[in-house]
Amino acid sequence: MEMMQDGSINRRRMLGGLAMGGAMLALPGCMSVPGFGLTDAIKRILTLSSQTAFANLTSPDGFWDSSVARIGLPAMFRGGGLASTLLTSGPVKNQLQKALNNVAEDGAERAAPLVADAIRNISFTDAAAIIGGGPTAATGFLRQNMGSTLVSAMVPALGDAMKVANNPILSQAIAALSGVDVGGVAQALSSDVDNAIWAEMGLAESEIRANPESTNDPMLIAVLKAT
């Protein structure tokens, strides 16, 4: 999906808002670093991870180029029928898959501020277990805490994106489906986009934990090095 000027501006504003939210999360409140608590460290990890993930996914071909977030064809496009078979074979299949991955970028735009809000408002019953957990412990906790929030919120955005995409392959593929319209495809795609977003965030978190120095955040580095 080609990015229009207004879309580019909106994405810059969205990412700018995430960055501002990240700056606000370095709040007073650690067992290892004075004035910086474990809860602050988790929020900082999640903020940096989400900034990285959404910057990647909302860039042109962000989902398509990702090693963990590329979306395959939903099961509804892999059914029987001559039209469906023709649309999901060879180069046409790749074009359809890429079109859906480009549509997914609009879902990520809708999800980004919801994730930022959830990070700001999240509370932890055992911050020590999360900060000392596995490479994606914080991301996993946030995902569990948010439940199906992103899936529900992204359905309208994905439906609208498909309607305005003006992609003949995508339009023909949807028309070939029996008893399924754009809304049905958006519903199915939203679950795949949700999985992709959390996978990209988890990758970003694991990279931060493996190399905390990359954050240039002395307090976060000290906390992660102490765990």
C-alpha atoms as a PDB file:
ATOM      1  CA  MET A   1       0.000   0.000   0.000  1.00  0.00           C
ATOM      2  CA  GLU A   2       1.556   3.286  -1.014  1.00  0.00           C
ATOM      3  CA  MET A   3       1.730   5.824   1.780  1.00  0.00           C
ATOM      4  CA  MET A   4      -0.141   9.030   1.105  1.00  0.00           C
ATOM      5  CA  GLN A   5       1.178  12.285   2.501  1.00  0.00           C
ATOM      6  CA  ASP A   6      -1.506  12.494   5.199  1.00  0.00           C
ATOM      7  CA  GLY A   7      -0.765   8.921   6.244  1.00  0.00           C
ATOM      8  CA  SER A   8       2.937   9.719   6.542  1.00  0.00           C
ATOM      9  CA  ILE A   9       2.164  12.715   8.750  1.00  0.00           C
ATOM     10  CA  ASN A  10      -0.138  10.642  10.947  1.00  0.00           C
ATOM     11  CA  ARG A  11       2.519   7.954  11.365  1.00  0.00           C
ATOM     12  CA  ARG A  12       5.141  10.529  12.336  1.00  0.00           C
ATOM     13  CA  ARG A  13       2.743  11.996  14.893  1.00  0.00           C
ATOM     14  CA  MET A  14       1.959   8.543  16.258  1.00  0.00           C
ATOM     15  CA  LEU A  15       5.619   7.605  16.623  1.00  0.00           C
ATOM     16  CA  GLY A  16       6.379  11.004  18.097  1.00  0.00           C
ATOM     17  CA  GLY A  17       3.670  10.419  20.693  1.00  0.00           C
ATOM     18  CA  LEU A  18       5.189   7.075  21.585  1.00  0.00           C
ATOM     19  CA  ALA A  19       8.594   8.670  22.013  1.00  0.00           C
ATOM     20  CA  MET A  20       7.127  11.351  24.264  1.00  0.00           C
ATOM     21  CA  GLY A  21       5.401   8.657  26.290  1.00  0.00           C
ATOM     22  CA  GLY A  22       8.759   6.903  26.643  1.00  0.00           C
ATOM     23  CA  ALA A  23      10.393  10.020  28.037  1.00  0.00           C
ATOM     24  CA  MET A  24       7.618  10.357  30.602  1.00  0.00           C
ATOM     25  CA  LEU A  25       8.177   6.838  31.900  1.00  0.00           C
ATOM     26  CA  ALA A  26      11.549   7.542  33.496  1.00  0.00           C
ATOM     27  CA  LEU A  27       9.756   8.336  36.750  1.00  0.00           C
ATOM     28  CA  PRO A  28      11.134   8.298  40.301  1.00  0.00           C
ATOM     29  CA  GLY A  29      10.298   5.323  42.229  1.00  0.00           C
ATOM     30  CA  CYS A  30      15.137   0.317  42.878  1.00  0.00           C
ATOM     31  CA  MET A  31      16.504  -2.134  44.701  1.00  0.00           C
ATOM     32  CA  SER A  32      19.665  -1.672  42.632  1.00  0.00           C
ATOM     33  CA  VAL A  33      19.458   1.900  41.294  1.00  0.00           C
ATOM     34  CA  PRO A  34      18.406   4.764  43.608  1.00  0.00           C
ATOM     35  CA  GLY A  35      15.324   6.584  42.350  1.00  0.00           C
ATOM     36  CA  PHE A  36      14.533   3.947  39.726  1.00  0.00           C
ATOM     37  CA  GLY A  37      12.315   0.978  40.549  1.00  0.00           C
ATOM     38  CA  LEU A  38      11.714  -2.377  38.929  1.00  0.00           C
ATOM     39  CA  THR A  39       8.300  -1.214  37.772  1.00  0.00           C
ATOM     40  CA  ASP A  40       9.941   1.769  36.069  1.00  0.00           C
ATOM     41  CA  ALA A  41      12.401  -0.565  34.379  1.00  0.00           C
ATOM     42  CA  ILE A  42       9.641  -2.816  33.027  1.00  0.00           C
ATOM     43  CA  LYS A  43       7.715   0.151  31.685  1.00  0.00           C
ATOM     44  CA  ARG A  44      10.870   1.469  30.081  1.00  0.00           C
ATOM     45  CA  ILE A  45      11.577  -1.899  28.425  1.00  0.00           C
ATOM     46  CA  LEU A  46       8.019  -2.080  27.118  1.00  0.00           C
ATOM     47  CA  THR A  47       8.107   1.497  25.876  1.00  0.00           C
ATOM     48  CA  LEU A  48      11.357   1.013  23.987  1.00  0.00           C
ATOM     49  CA  SER A  49      10.186  -2.344  22.627  1.00  0.00           C
ATOM     50  CA  SER A  50       6.887  -0.900  21.402  1.00  0.00           C
ATOM     51  CA  GLN A  51       8.573   2.122  19.835  1.00  0.00           C
ATOM     52  CA  THR A  52      10.930  -0.138  17.909  1.00  0.00           C
ATOM     53  CA  ALA A  53       8.190  -2.581  16.905  1.00  0.00           C
ATOM     54  CA  PHE A  54       5.724   0.002  15.661  1.00  0.00           C
ATOM     55  CA  ALA A  55       8.400   2.032  13.894  1.00  0.00           C
ATOM     56  CA  ASN A  56       9.350  -1.116  12.010  1.00  0.00           C
ATOM     57  CA  LEU A  57       5.825  -2.311  11.281  1.00  0.00           C
ATOM     58  CA  THR A  58       4.401   1.025  10.134  1.00  0.00           C
ATOM     59  CA  SER A  59       7.252   1.707   7.734  1.00  0.00           C
ATOM     60  CA  PRO A  60       6.689   0.802   4.068  1.00  0.00           C
ATOM     61  CA  ASP A  61       6.496  -3.010   3.764  1.00  0.00           C
ATOM     62  CA  GLY A  62       7.090  -3.234   7.509  1.00  0.00           C
ATOM     63  CA  PHE A  63       5.188  -6.470   8.047  1.00  0.00           C
ATOM     64  CA  TRP A  64       6.347  -7.967   4.773  1.00  0.00           C
ATOM     65  CA  ASP A  65      10.034  -7.364   5.539  1.00  0.00           C
ATOM     66  CA  SER A  66       9.898  -8.517   9.172  1.00  0.00           C
ATOM     67  CA  SER A  67      11.560 -11.791  10.152  1.00  0.00           C
ATOM     68  CA  VAL A  68       8.807 -12.528  12.700  1.00  0.00           C
ATOM     69  CA  ALA A  69       5.780 -10.450  11.710  1.00  0.00           C
ATOM     70  CA  ARG A  70       5.153 -11.340   8.054  1.00  0.00           C
ATOM     71  CA  ILE A  71       1.531 -12.491   7.781  1.00  0.00           C
ATOM     72  CA  GLY A  72       0.525 -15.541   5.790  1.00  0.00           C
ATOM     73  CA  LEU A  73      -2.750 -15.943   3.945  1.00  0.00           C
ATOM     74  CA  PRO A  74      -5.692 -16.418   6.311  1.00  0.00           C
ATOM     75  CA  ALA A  75      -7.275 -19.868   6.103  1.00  0.00           C
ATOM     76  CA  MET A  76     -10.317 -18.485   4.276  1.00  0.00           C
ATOM     77  CA  PHE A  77      -8.159 -17.791   1.215  1.00  0.00           C
ATOM     78  CA  ARG A  78      -6.805 -21.311   1.153  1.00  0.00           C
ATOM     79  CA  GLY A  79     -10.122 -23.072   0.612  1.00  0.00           C
ATOM     80  CA  GLY A  80     -11.440 -24.798  -2.490  1.00  0.00           C
ATOM     81  CA  GLY A  81     -13.062 -23.332  -5.559  1.00  0.00           C
ATOM     82  CA  LEU A  82     -11.552 -22.534  -8.935  1.00  0.00           C
ATOM     83  CA  ALA A  83     -11.441 -18.768  -8.390  1.00  0.00           C
ATOM     84  CA  SER A  84      -9.817 -19.137  -4.996  1.00  0.00           C
ATOM     85  CA  THR A  85      -7.283 -21.617  -6.371  1.00  0.00           C
ATOM     86  CA  LEU A  86      -6.290 -19.301  -9.210  1.00  0.00           C
ATOM     87  CA  LEU A  87      -5.877 -16.376  -6.833  1.00  0.00           C
ATOM     88  CA  THR A  88      -3.691 -18.264  -4.408  1.00  0.00           C
ATOM     89  CA  SER A  89      -1.251 -19.905  -6.794  1.00  0.00           C
ATOM     90  CA  GLY A  90       2.216 -18.750  -7.792  1.00  0.00           C
ATOM     91  CA  PRO A  91       2.914 -15.020  -8.225  1.00  0.00           C
ATOM     92  CA  VAL A  92      -0.721 -14.084  -7.608  1.00  0.00           C
ATOM     93  CA  LYS A  93      -0.552 -15.651  -4.170  1.00  0.00           C
ATOM     94  CA  ASN A  94       2.509 -13.558  -3.327  1.00  0.00           C
ATOM     95  CA  GLN A  95       0.781 -10.393  -4.520  1.00  0.00           C
ATOM     96  CA  LEU A  96      -2.272 -11.173  -2.394  1.00  0.00           C
ATOM     97  CA  GLN A  97      -0.178 -11.957   0.651  1.00  0.00           C
ATOM     98  CA  LYS A  98       1.835  -8.751   0.264  1.00  0.00           C
ATOM     99  CA  ALA A  99      -1.361  -6.720  -0.144  1.00  0.00           C
ATOM    100  CA  LEU A 100      -2.666  -8.099   3.154  1.00  0.00           C
ATOM    101  CA  ASN A 101       0.655  -7.370   4.851  1.00  0.00           C
ATOM    102  CA  ASN A 102       0.465  -3.787   3.639  1.00  0.00           C
ATOM    103  CA  VAL A 103      -3.097  -3.490   4.930  1.00  0.00           C
ATOM    104  CA  ALA A 104      -1.785  -4.719   8.288  1.00  0.00           C
ATOM    105  CA  GLU A 105       0.216  -1.497   8.617  1.00  0.00           C
ATOM    106  CA  ASP A 106      -3.041   0.374   9.208  1.00  0.00           C
ATOM    107  CA  GLY A 107      -3.886  -2.060  11.974  1.00  0.00           C
ATOM    108  CA  ALA A 108      -0.543  -1.349  13.628  1.00  0.00           C
ATOM    109  CA  GLU A 109      -1.234   2.392  13.459  1.00  0.00           C
ATOM    110  CA  ARG A 110      -4.485   1.840  15.312  1.00  0.00           C
ATOM    111  CA  ALA A 111      -2.842  -0.441  17.871  1.00  0.00           C
ATOM    112  CA  ALA A 112       0.148   1.769  18.724  1.00  0.00           C
ATOM    113  CA  PRO A 113      -1.578   4.358  20.952  1.00  0.00           C
ATOM    114  CA  LEU A 114      -3.530   1.625  22.737  1.00  0.00           C
ATOM    115  CA  VAL A 115      -0.308  -0.156  23.622  1.00  0.00           C
ATOM    116  CA  ALA A 116       1.261   3.109  24.799  1.00  0.00           C
ATOM    117  CA  ASP A 117      -1.723   3.816  27.065  1.00  0.00           C
ATOM    118  CA  ALA A 118      -1.638   0.279  28.457  1.00  0.00           C
ATOM    119  CA  ILE A 119       2.053   0.623  29.316  1.00  0.00           C
ATOM    120  CA  ARG A 120       1.491   3.895  31.151  1.00  0.00           C
ATOM    121  CA  ASN A 121      -1.355   2.454  33.204  1.00  0.00           C
ATOM    122  CA  ILE A 122      -0.122  -1.081  33.832  1.00  0.00           C
ATOM    123  CA  SER A 123       0.499  -2.363  37.348  1.00  0.00           C
ATOM    124  CA  PHE A 124       2.609  -5.311  38.409  1.00  0.00           C
ATOM    125  CA  THR A 125       2.035  -7.808  41.213  1.00  0.00           C
ATOM    126  CA  ASP A 126       5.540  -9.290  40.874  1.00  0.00           C
ATOM    127  CA  ALA A 127       7.842  -6.914  39.028  1.00  0.00           C
ATOM    128  CA  ALA A 128      10.941  -8.859  40.105  1.00  0.00           C
ATOM    129  CA  ALA A 129       9.690 -12.015  38.366  1.00  0.00           C
ATOM    130  CA  ILE A 130       9.067 -10.096  35.135  1.00  0.00           C
ATOM    131  CA  ILE A 131      12.344  -8.188  35.097  1.00  0.00           C
ATOM    132  CA  GLY A 132      14.229 -11.409  35.845  1.00  0.00           C
ATOM    133  CA  GLY A 133      12.123 -13.548  33.535  1.00  0.00           C
ATOM    134  CA  GLY A 134      12.697 -14.816  30.024  1.00  0.00           C
ATOM    135  CA  PRO A 135      13.632 -12.705  26.995  1.00  0.00           C
ATOM    136  CA  THR A 136      10.001 -11.719  26.293  1.00  0.00           C
ATOM    137  CA  ALA A 137       8.598 -11.773  29.835  1.00  0.00           C
ATOM    138  CA  ALA A 138       7.465  -8.134  29.861  1.00  0.00           C
ATOM    139  CA  THR A 139       5.859  -8.344  26.432  1.00  0.00           C
ATOM    140  CA  GLY A 140       4.066 -11.536  27.417  1.00  0.00           C
ATOM    141  CA  PHE A 141       2.743  -9.920  30.576  1.00  0.00           C
ATOM    142  CA  LEU A 142       1.454  -6.885  28.682  1.00  0.00           C
ATOM    143  CA  ARG A 143      -0.193  -9.059  26.044  1.00  0.00           C
ATOM    144  CA  GLN A 144      -1.976 -11.098  28.681  1.00  0.00           C
ATOM    145  CA  ASN A 145      -3.054  -7.916  30.433  1.00  0.00           C
ATOM    146  CA  MET A 146      -4.504  -6.395  27.241  1.00  0.00           C
ATOM    147  CA  GLY A 147      -6.303  -9.550  26.130  1.00  0.00           C
ATOM    148  CA  SER A 148      -8.235  -9.057  22.889  1.00  0.00           C
ATOM    149  CA  THR A 149      -8.135  -5.242  23.036  1.00  0.00           C
ATOM    150  CA  LEU A 150      -6.012  -4.839  19.919  1.00  0.00           C
ATOM    151  CA  VAL A 151      -7.954  -7.407  17.891  1.00  0.00           C
ATOM    152  CA  SER A 152     -11.255  -5.629  18.517  1.00  0.00           C
ATOM    153  CA  ALA A 153      -9.812  -2.183  17.844  1.00  0.00           C
ATOM    154  CA  MET A 154      -8.059  -3.097  14.606  1.00  0.00           C
ATOM    155  CA  VAL A 155     -11.024  -4.650  12.776  1.00  0.00           C
ATOM    156  CA  PRO A 156     -12.514  -1.314  11.572  1.00  0.00           C
ATOM    157  CA  ALA A 157      -9.094   0.052  10.588  1.00  0.00           C
ATOM    158  CA  LEU A 158      -8.248  -3.056   8.573  1.00  0.00           C
ATOM    159  CA  GLY A 159     -11.659  -3.053   6.882  1.00  0.00           C
ATOM    160  CA  ASP A 160     -11.289   0.587   5.889  1.00  0.00           C
ATOM    161  CA  ALA A 161      -7.751  -0.037   4.624  1.00  0.00           C
ATOM    162  CA  MET A 162      -8.942  -2.852   2.372  1.00  0.00           C
ATOM    163  CA  LYS A 163     -11.737  -0.722   0.977  1.00  0.00           C
ATOM    164  CA  VAL A 164      -9.434   2.129  -0.021  1.00  0.00           C
ATOM    165  CA  ALA A 165      -6.484  -0.028  -1.090  1.00  0.00           C
ATOM    166  CA  ASN A 166      -7.758  -0.196  -4.678  1.00  0.00           C
ATOM    167  CA  ASN A 167      -5.838  -3.427  -5.141  1.00  0.00           C
ATOM    168  CA  PRO A 168      -7.458  -5.587  -7.870  1.00  0.00           C
ATOM    169  CA  ILE A 169      -5.894  -8.833  -6.600  1.00  0.00           C
ATOM    170  CA  LEU A 170      -7.203  -8.239  -3.091  1.00  0.00           C
ATOM    171  CA  SER A 171     -10.640  -7.214  -4.380  1.00  0.00           C
ATOM    172  CA  GLN A 172     -10.902 -10.312  -6.584  1.00  0.00           C
ATOM    173  CA  ALA A 173      -9.773 -12.578  -3.758  1.00  0.00           C
ATOM    174  CA  ILE A 174     -12.427 -11.240  -1.398  1.00  0.00           C
ATOM    175  CA  ALA A 175     -15.085 -11.454  -4.113  1.00  0.00           C
ATOM    176  CA  ALA A 176     -14.136 -15.108  -4.673  1.00  0.00           C
ATOM    177  CA  LEU A 177     -14.899 -16.001  -1.070  1.00  0.00           C
ATOM    178  CA  SER A 178     -18.231 -17.626  -0.351  1.00  0.00           C
ATOM    179  CA  GLY A 179     -20.290 -15.867   2.297  1.00  0.00           C
ATOM    180  CA  VAL A 180     -17.406 -13.648   3.471  1.00  0.00           C
ATOM    181  CA  ASP A 181     -17.166  -9.887   2.976  1.00  0.00           C
ATOM    182  CA  VAL A 182     -14.534  -7.284   3.794  1.00  0.00           C
ATOM    183  CA  GLY A 183     -15.619  -7.233   7.431  1.00  0.00           C
ATOM    184  CA  GLY A 184     -15.122 -10.973   7.712  1.00  0.00           C
ATOM    185  CA  VAL A 185     -11.650 -10.770   6.211  1.00  0.00           C
ATOM    186  CA  ALA A 186     -10.783  -7.880   8.547  1.00  0.00           C
ATOM    187  CA  GLN A 187     -11.899  -9.934  11.528  1.00  0.00           C
ATOM    188  CA  ALA A 188      -9.726 -12.871  10.499  1.00  0.00           C
ATOM    189  CA  LEU A 189      -6.765 -10.674   9.599  1.00  0.00           C
ATOM    190  CA  SER A 190      -6.914  -8.797  12.914  1.00  0.00           C
ATOM    191  CA  SER A 191      -5.926 -11.921  14.846  1.00  0.00           C
ATOM    192  CA  ASP A 192      -2.911 -12.432  12.580  1.00  0.00           C
ATOM    193  CA  VAL A 193      -1.905  -8.777  12.928  1.00  0.00           C
ATOM    194  CA  ASP A 194      -2.232  -9.037  16.698  1.00  0.00           C
ATOM    195  CA  ASN A 195       0.115 -12.051  16.754  1.00  0.00           C
ATOM    196  CA  ALA A 196       2.551 -10.224  14.487  1.00  0.00           C
ATOM    197  CA  ILE A 197       2.648  -7.091  16.648  1.00  0.00           C
ATOM    198  CA  TRP A 198       3.408  -9.052  19.813  1.00  0.00           C
ATOM    199  CA  ALA A 199       6.037 -11.107  17.993  1.00  0.00           C
ATOM    200  CA  GLU A 200       7.789  -7.930  16.820  1.00  0.00           C
ATOM    201  CA  MET A 201       7.610  -6.442  20.320  1.00  0.00           C
ATOM    202  CA  GLY A 202       8.950  -9.653  21.818  1.00  0.00           C
ATOM    203  CA  LEU A 203      11.872  -9.598  19.408  1.00  0.00           C
ATOM    204  CA  ALA A 204      12.632  -5.993  20.350  1.00  0.00           C
ATOM    205  CA  GLU A 205      12.468  -6.822  24.073  1.00  0.00           C
ATOM    206  CA  SER A 206      14.783  -9.813  23.686  1.00  0.00           C
ATOM    207  CA  GLU A 207      17.318  -7.627  21.875  1.00  0.00           C
ATOM    208  CA  ILE A 208      17.179  -5.037  24.675  1.00  0.00           C
ATOM    209  CA  ARG A 209      17.719  -7.705  27.321  1.00  0.00           C
ATOM    210  CA  ALA A 210      20.585  -9.261  25.348  1.00  0.00           C
ATOM    211  CA  ASN A 211      22.269  -5.882  24.840  1.00  0.00           C
ATOM    212  CA  PRO A 212      20.985  -3.298  27.342  1.00  0.00           C
ATOM    213  CA  GLU A 213      23.812  -0.933  26.413  1.00  0.00           C
ATOM    214  CA  SER A 214      22.017  -0.338  23.106  1.00  0.00           C
ATOM    215  CA  THR A 215      19.386   1.678  24.993  1.00  0.00           C
ATOM    216  CA  ASN A 216      21.926   4.273  26.227  1.00  0.00           C
ATOM    217  CA  ASP A 217      19.834   4.346  29.415  1.00  0.00           C
ATOM    218  CA  PRO A 218      22.203   4.083  32.424  1.00  0.00           C
ATOM    219  CA  MET A 219      19.468   3.193  34.905  1.00  0.00           C
ATOM    220  CA  LEU A 220      17.890   0.521  32.705  1.00  0.00           C
ATOM    221  CA  ILE A 221      21.342  -0.908  31.916  1.00  0.00           C
ATOM    222  CA  ALA A 222      22.129  -1.141  35.619  1.00  0.00           C
ATOM    223  CA  VAL A 223      18.849  -2.913  36.419  1.00  0.00           C
ATOM    224  CA  LEU A 224      19.170  -5.445  33.592  1.00  0.00           C
ATOM    225  CA  LYS A 225      22.825  -6.117  34.380  1.00  0.00           C
ATOM    226  CA  ALA A 226      21.875  -6.802  38.008  1.00  0.00           C
ATOM    227  CA  THR A 227      19.308  -9.495  37.106  1.00  0.00           C
END
